[in-house]
Protein backbone atom coordinates (compact mmCIF):
# COMPACT_ATOMS: atom_id res chain seq x y z
CA MET A 1 59.36 2.30 11.12
CA LYS A 2 55.57 2.99 12.66
CA PHE A 3 54.48 6.51 13.37
CA ILE A 4 54.30 5.68 17.17
CA ASN A 5 58.08 5.06 17.21
CA TYR A 6 58.43 8.42 15.80
CA LEU A 7 56.37 10.05 18.47
CA GLU A 8 58.45 8.19 21.28
CA THR A 9 61.67 9.66 20.03
CA ILE A 10 60.36 13.40 20.30
CA SER A 11 61.72 14.60 23.78
CA GLY A 12 58.87 16.35 25.55
CA ILE A 13 56.02 14.73 23.78
CA SER A 14 54.20 13.94 27.08
CA VAL A 15 53.14 17.23 27.75
CA PHE A 16 50.83 17.69 24.82
CA PRO A 17 47.77 15.42 25.89
CA PHE A 18 48.02 17.16 29.14
CA ILE A 19 47.67 20.73 27.28
CA SER A 20 44.86 19.45 25.02
CA LEU A 21 42.85 17.90 27.81
CA THR A 22 43.71 21.26 30.02
CA ILE A 23 42.34 23.41 27.51
CA PHE A 24 39.36 21.20 26.38
CA PHE A 25 38.48 21.00 30.17
CA LEU A 26 38.66 25.07 30.61
CA PHE A 27 36.52 25.67 27.32
CA PHE A 28 33.72 23.20 28.13
CA THR A 29 33.63 24.59 31.63
CA GLY A 30 33.42 28.00 30.55
CA VAL A 31 30.35 27.16 28.12
CA ILE A 32 28.62 25.56 31.29
CA ILE A 33 29.12 28.40 33.19
CA TYR A 34 27.80 30.90 30.65
CA ALA A 35 24.89 28.44 30.04
CA PHE A 36 24.27 28.60 33.62
CA ALA A 37 24.90 32.48 34.06
CA ILE A 38 22.67 33.72 30.84
CA ARG A 39 19.50 35.30 32.14
CA GLY A 40 15.75 34.21 31.13
CA GLU A 41 15.30 37.27 29.17
CA THR A 42 17.96 36.62 26.96
CA ILE A 43 17.13 33.09 26.37
CA ASP A 44 13.57 34.22 25.60
CA GLU A 45 15.05 36.98 22.98
CA LEU A 46 17.33 34.71 21.27
CA LYS A 47 14.55 31.97 21.10
CA GLN A 48 12.11 34.14 19.48
CA LEU A 49 15.01 35.59 16.69
CA PRO A 50 13.98 32.72 13.76
CA LEU A 51 10.40 33.72 14.59
CA GLN A 52 10.48 37.56 13.74
CA ASN A 53 9.44 39.06 10.67
CA ASN A 54 11.37 42.10 10.01
CA LYS A 55 10.87 44.90 7.22
CA GLU A 56 14.42 44.36 6.27
CA ASP A 57 13.66 40.64 5.52
CA ASP A 58 10.70 41.43 3.49
CA ASP A 59 12.73 44.11 1.30
CA ALA A 60 15.49 41.21 0.63
CA GLU A 61 12.94 38.73 -0.58
CA ILE A 62 11.46 41.40 -3.25
CA LEU A 63 15.37 41.70 -4.62
């Protein structure tokens, strides 16, 4: 018996693709809203993080 035959015998299985699509859609809609709502200053601050040279980083390199 093929795998698809097992899935066809489960009652209520057709609701799972709808739930998965809904979660996928809501998550990426939230990410897009967050990306457009973030302030420019925050983006500039996050953009500079890899380039900053902190004293803590210098101490860690010595150890």
